[in-house]
C-alpha atoms as a PDB file:
ATOM      1  CA  MET A   1       0.000   0.000   0.000  1.00  0.00           C
ATOM      2  CA  SER A   2       1.143   3.522  -0.703  1.00  0.00           C
ATOM      3  CA  ASP A   3       1.694   6.082   2.029  1.00  0.00           C
ATOM      4  CA  GLU A   4      -1.407   8.073   0.883  1.00  0.00           C
ATOM      5  CA  GLN A   5      -3.667   5.016   1.100  1.00  0.00           C
ATOM      6  CA  GLU A   6      -2.562   4.146   4.632  1.00  0.00           C
ATOM      7  CA  ARG A   7      -3.140   7.555   6.224  1.00  0.00           C
ATOM      8  CA  PRO A   8      -6.699   8.554   7.061  1.00  0.00           C
ATOM      9  CA  GLY A   9      -7.891  12.078   6.298  1.00  0.00           C
ATOM     10  CA  MET A  10      -7.369  14.354   3.360  1.00  0.00           C
ATOM     11  CA  HIS A  11      -4.915  13.567   0.595  1.00  0.00           C
ATOM     12  CA  ARG A  12      -2.518  16.181  -0.699  1.00  0.00           C
ATOM     13  CA  ARG A  13      -4.422  16.702  -3.968  1.00  0.00           C
ATOM     14  CA  GLN A  14      -7.689  17.174  -2.081  1.00  0.00           C
ATOM     15  CA  PHE A  15      -6.039  19.616   0.311  1.00  0.00           C
ATOM     16  CA  VAL A  16      -4.474  21.679  -2.492  1.00  0.00           C
ATOM     17  CA  GLY A  17      -7.697  21.691  -4.510  1.00  0.00           C
ATOM     18  CA  GLN A  18      -9.893  22.735  -1.593  1.00  0.00           C
ATOM     19  CA  SER A  19      -7.408  25.291  -0.288  1.00  0.00           C
ATOM     20  CA  LEU A  20      -6.918  26.873  -3.688  1.00  0.00           C
ATOM     21  CA  GLY A  21     -10.679  26.992  -4.236  1.00  0.00           C
ATOM     22  CA  ALA A  22     -11.182  28.733  -0.897  1.00  0.00           C
ATOM     23  CA  ILE A  23      -8.422  31.237  -1.597  1.00  0.00           C
ATOM     24  CA  LEU A  24      -9.771  32.115  -5.029  1.00  0.00           C
ATOM     25  CA  THR A  25     -13.431  32.427  -4.044  1.00  0.00           C
ATOM     26  CA  ARG A  26     -13.023  34.225  -0.704  1.00  0.00           C
ATOM     27  CA  PRO A  27     -12.247  37.644  -2.288  1.00  0.00           C
ATOM     28  CA  LEU A  28     -15.303  37.215  -4.521  1.00  0.00           C
ATOM     29  CA  LEU A  29     -17.777  36.574  -1.708  1.00  0.00           C
ATOM     30  CA  PRO A  30     -18.279  40.263  -0.794  1.00  0.00           C
ATOM     31  CA  LEU A  31     -18.847  41.050  -4.451  1.00  0.00           C
ATOM     32  CA  LEU A  32     -21.393  38.280  -4.797  1.00  0.00           C
ATOM     33  CA  ALA A  33     -23.155  39.370  -1.613  1.00  0.00           C
ATOM     34  CA  GLY A  34     -23.240  42.925  -2.948  1.00  0.00           C
ATOM     35  CA  CYS A  35     -25.037  41.821  -6.085  1.00  0.00           C
ATOM     36  CA  ALA A  36     -28.262  41.339  -4.146  1.00  0.00           C
ATOM     37  CA  SER A  37     -28.104  44.894  -2.850  1.00  0.00           C
ATOM     38  CA  LEU A  38     -27.550  46.167  -6.387  1.00  0.00           C
ATOM     39  CA  ALA A  39     -30.778  44.670  -7.721  1.00  0.00           C
ATOM     40  CA  THR A  40     -32.699  47.402  -9.474  1.00  0.00           C
ATOM     41  CA  HIS A  41     -36.315  47.607 -10.402  1.00  0.00           C
ATOM     42  CA  PRO A  42     -36.868  49.054 -13.868  1.00  0.00           C
ATOM     43  CA  VAL A  43     -39.625  51.660 -13.946  1.00  0.00           C
ATOM     44  CA  THR A  44     -41.031  53.905 -16.627  1.00  0.00           C
ATOM     45  CA  PRO A  45     -41.599  57.571 -15.792  1.00  0.00           C
ATOM     46  CA  VAL A  46     -44.788  59.135 -17.096  1.00  0.00           C
ATOM     47  CA  ASP A  47     -44.572  62.898 -17.565  1.00  0.00           C
ATOM     48  CA  GLY A  48     -41.453  62.946 -15.382  1.00  0.00           C
ATOM     49  CA  GLN A  49     -43.081  61.100 -12.500  1.00  0.00           C
ATOM     50  CA  LEU A  50     -42.708  57.623 -11.082  1.00  0.00           C
ATOM     51  CA  ARG A  51     -45.842  56.023  -9.670  1.00  0.00           C
ATOM     52  CA  LEU A  52     -45.242  53.111  -7.329  1.00  0.00           C
ATOM     53  CA  ARG A  53     -47.933  50.920  -5.863  1.00  0.00           C
ATOM     54  CA  LEU A  54     -46.612  50.179  -2.389  1.00  0.00           C
ATOM     55  CA  ASP A  55     -47.972  46.627  -2.435  1.00  0.00           C
ATOM     56  CA  ALA A  56     -45.599  45.958  -5.358  1.00  0.00           C
ATOM     57  CA  TYR A  57     -42.626  46.991  -3.176  1.00  0.00           C
ATOM     58  CA  PRO A  58     -43.019  45.198   0.173  1.00  0.00           C
ATOM     59  CA  GLN A  59     -39.475  46.268   1.146  1.00  0.00           C
ATOM     60  CA  LEU A  60     -40.861  49.762   1.774  1.00  0.00           C
ATOM     61  CA  ALA A  61     -43.183  48.476   4.507  1.00  0.00           C
ATOM     62  CA  ALA A  62     -40.193  48.117   6.867  1.00  0.00           C
ATOM     63  CA  THR A  63     -38.931  51.241   8.644  1.00  0.00           C
ATOM     64  CA  ASP A  64     -35.436  50.680   7.244  1.00  0.00           C
ATOM     65  CA  GLY A  65     -36.658  49.386   3.892  1.00  0.00           C
ATOM     66  CA  SER A  66     -35.331  50.650   0.613  1.00  0.00           C
ATOM     67  CA  VAL A  67     -35.695  50.084  -3.106  1.00  0.00           C
ATOM     68  CA  MET A  68     -33.394  50.964  -5.972  1.00  0.00           C
ATOM     69  CA  LEU A  69     -35.295  52.033  -9.072  1.00  0.00           C
ATOM     70  CA  MET A  70     -33.885  52.460 -12.566  1.00  0.00           C
ATOM     71  CA  PRO A  71     -36.039  54.905 -14.507  1.00  0.00           C
ATOM     72  CA  ALA A  72     -36.172  54.125 -18.226  1.00  0.00           C
ATOM     73  CA  GLY A  73     -34.023  56.466 -20.293  1.00  0.00           C
ATOM     74  CA  THR A  74     -31.499  57.188 -17.520  1.00  0.00           C
ATOM     75  CA  ASP A  75     -28.336  55.571 -16.284  1.00  0.00           C
ATOM     76  CA  VAL A  76     -28.666  56.811 -12.698  1.00  0.00           C
ATOM     77  CA  PRO A  77     -30.923  54.955 -10.262  1.00  0.00           C
ATOM     78  CA  VAL A  78     -33.234  56.519  -7.692  1.00  0.00           C
ATOM     79  CA  TYR A  79     -33.168  55.238  -4.126  1.00  0.00           C
ATOM     80  CA  VAL A  80     -36.514  55.160  -2.355  1.00  0.00           C
ATOM     81  CA  MET A  81     -36.050  55.022   1.395  1.00  0.00           C
ATOM     82  CA  ALA A  82     -38.747  54.205   3.958  1.00  0.00           C
ATOM     83  CA  LEU A  83     -38.448  56.624   6.878  1.00  0.00           C
ATOM     84  CA  GLY A  84     -41.252  55.225   9.052  1.00  0.00           C
ATOM     85  CA  SER A  85     -44.772  56.541   9.729  1.00  0.00           C
ATOM     86  CA  ASN A  86     -45.646  56.412   6.002  1.00  0.00           C
ATOM     87  CA  GLN A  87     -42.825  58.839   5.210  1.00  0.00           C
ATOM     88  CA  PHE A  88     -40.501  58.241   2.272  1.00  0.00           C
ATOM     89  CA  ALA A  89     -37.507  59.875   0.631  1.00  0.00           C
ATOM     90  CA  ALA A  90     -36.504  59.557  -3.014  1.00  0.00           C
ATOM     91  CA  LEU A  91     -32.817  60.293  -3.477  1.00  0.00           C
ATOM     92  CA  SER A  92     -30.173  60.468  -6.126  1.00  0.00           C
ATOM     93  CA  PRO A  93     -27.383  58.083  -5.106  1.00  0.00           C
ATOM     94  CA  ILE A  94     -24.706  60.432  -6.449  1.00  0.00           C
ATOM     95  CA  CYS A  95     -22.433  61.697  -3.666  1.00  0.00           C
ATOM     96  CA  THR A  96     -22.258  65.486  -3.610  1.00  0.00           C
ATOM     97  CA  HIS A  97     -18.535  65.397  -2.823  1.00  0.00           C
ATOM     98  CA  ARG A  98     -17.009  63.793  -5.921  1.00  0.00           C
ATOM     99  CA  GLY A  99     -19.858  62.043  -7.721  1.00  0.00           C
ATOM    100  CA  CYS A 100     -19.396  58.451  -6.577  1.00  0.00           C
ATOM    101  CA  THR A 101     -22.466  56.284  -6.062  1.00  0.00           C
ATOM    102  CA  VAL A 102     -23.399  55.913  -2.408  1.00  0.00           C
ATOM    103  CA  GLN A 103     -24.374  52.530  -1.030  1.00  0.00           C
ATOM    104  CA  ILE A 104     -27.333  51.765   1.195  1.00  0.00           C
ATOM    105  CA  ARG A 105     -26.108  50.513   4.567  1.00  0.00           C
ATOM    106  CA  ALA A 106     -29.318  49.955   6.601  1.00  0.00           C
ATOM    107  CA  ALA A 107     -29.563  53.127   8.710  1.00  0.00           C
ATOM    108  CA  ARG A 108     -27.295  55.237   6.482  1.00  0.00           C
ATOM    109  CA  LEU A 109     -25.996  55.788   2.978  1.00  0.00           C
ATOM    110  CA  VAL A 110     -22.227  55.622   2.652  1.00  0.00           C
ATOM    111  CA  CYS A 111     -19.929  56.759  -0.134  1.00  0.00           C
ATOM    112  CA  PRO A 112     -17.316  54.085  -0.849  1.00  0.00           C
ATOM    113  CA  CYS A 113     -14.891  56.621  -2.336  1.00  0.00           C
ATOM    114  CA  HIS A 114     -14.215  59.056   0.504  1.00  0.00           C
ATOM    115  CA  GLY A 115     -16.500  57.974   3.344  1.00  0.00           C
ATOM    116  CA  SER A 116     -19.178  60.650   3.203  1.00  0.00           C
ATOM    117  CA  THR A 117     -22.167  59.409   5.162  1.00  0.00           C
ATOM    118  CA  TYR A 118     -25.782  60.466   4.774  1.00  0.00           C
ATOM    119  CA  GLU A 119     -28.998  59.954   6.727  1.00  0.00           C
ATOM    120  CA  ARG A 120     -31.754  58.020   4.987  1.00  0.00           C
ATOM    121  CA  ASP A 121     -33.385  61.340   4.107  1.00  0.00           C
ATOM    122  CA  GLY A 122     -30.221  62.526   2.332  1.00  0.00           C
ATOM    123  CA  ARG A 123     -28.771  64.841   5.017  1.00  0.00           C
ATOM    124  CA  VAL A 124     -24.998  64.757   5.510  1.00  0.00           C
ATOM    125  CA  VAL A 125     -23.883  63.066   8.729  1.00  0.00           C
ATOM    126  CA  ARG A 126     -20.172  63.007   8.001  1.00  0.00           C
ATOM    127  CA  GLY A 127     -18.071  64.649   5.288  1.00  0.00           C
ATOM    128  CA  PRO A 128     -16.150  65.383   3.254  1.00  0.00           C
ATOM    129  CA  ALA A 129     -19.493  66.034   1.477  1.00  0.00           C
ATOM    130  CA  GLN A 130     -20.960  69.394   2.457  1.00  0.00           C
ATOM    131  CA  ARG A 131     -24.322  69.216   0.677  1.00  0.00           C
ATOM    132  CA  PRO A 132     -27.147  66.693   1.074  1.00  0.00           C
ATOM    133  CA  LEU A 133     -27.992  64.171  -1.618  1.00  0.00           C
ATOM    134  CA  THR A 134     -30.388  65.395  -4.274  1.00  0.00           C
ATOM    135  CA  ARG A 135     -33.901  64.662  -3.072  1.00  0.00           C
ATOM    136  CA  TYR A 136     -36.993  64.371  -5.249  1.00  0.00           C
ATOM    137  CA  PRO A 137     -40.468  65.360  -4.035  1.00  0.00           C
ATOM    138  CA  VAL A 138     -42.521  62.384  -2.866  1.00  0.00           C
ATOM    139  CA  GLU A 139     -46.259  62.291  -2.314  1.00  0.00           C
ATOM    140  CA  LEU A 140     -48.188  59.393  -0.836  1.00  0.00           C
ATOM    141  CA  THR A 141     -51.742  59.158  -2.155  1.00  0.00           C
ATOM    142  CA  GLY A 142     -53.547  56.154  -0.780  1.00  0.00           C
ATOM    143  CA  SER A 143     -51.325  53.192  -1.531  1.00  0.00           C
ATOM    144  CA  GLU A 144     -49.409  54.894  -4.333  1.00  0.00           C
ATOM    145  CA  LEU A 145     -46.137  56.743  -4.014  1.00  0.00           C
ATOM    146  CA  VAL A 146     -45.592  59.504  -6.590  1.00  0.00           C
ATOM    147  CA  ILE A 147     -42.009  60.674  -7.160  1.00  0.00           C
ATOM    148  CA  ASP A 148     -41.498  63.807  -9.261  1.00  0.00           C
ATOM    149  CA  LEU A 149     -38.178  63.517 -11.085  1.00  0.00           C
ATOM    150  CA  ARG A 150     -38.611  66.948 -12.719  1.00  0.00           C
ATOM    151  CA  LYS A 151     -38.000  68.780  -9.453  1.00  0.00           C
ATOM    152  CA  THR A 152     -35.805  68.546  -6.407  1.00  0.00           C
ATOM    153  CA  ALA A 153     -37.044  68.950  -2.861  1.00  0.00           C
END
């Protein structure tokens, strides 16, 4: 019998294969996890407005819920943030410091480029950004949320 056949446990080829697989996939895990948070919902503006039926976006029922919308004809998404008590904010995700795209991090929005941090309503919590995120007017009528992309709040 060979030395490999006599010893219980993992053989060298198994060890190398599994170790190499773990090393190569570990750096990709955060990217794969981030893909779920990047899921966008395509929407079509009508006369510059987005109309969302809240029952179609159950994420917005939670106080810290959020949805990323991609209006047709644009390449910049709109973040819709639930603020609690039937209050909502619709924000541009473009950081006012250097134009990077902020990321939704539960209670806050964080710029991955320079660390600017914003409240869920777009106000600056921590710089270097000095100005709030662009905010679009939002009106709740019954169970429909109307976001006016032609104006800023």
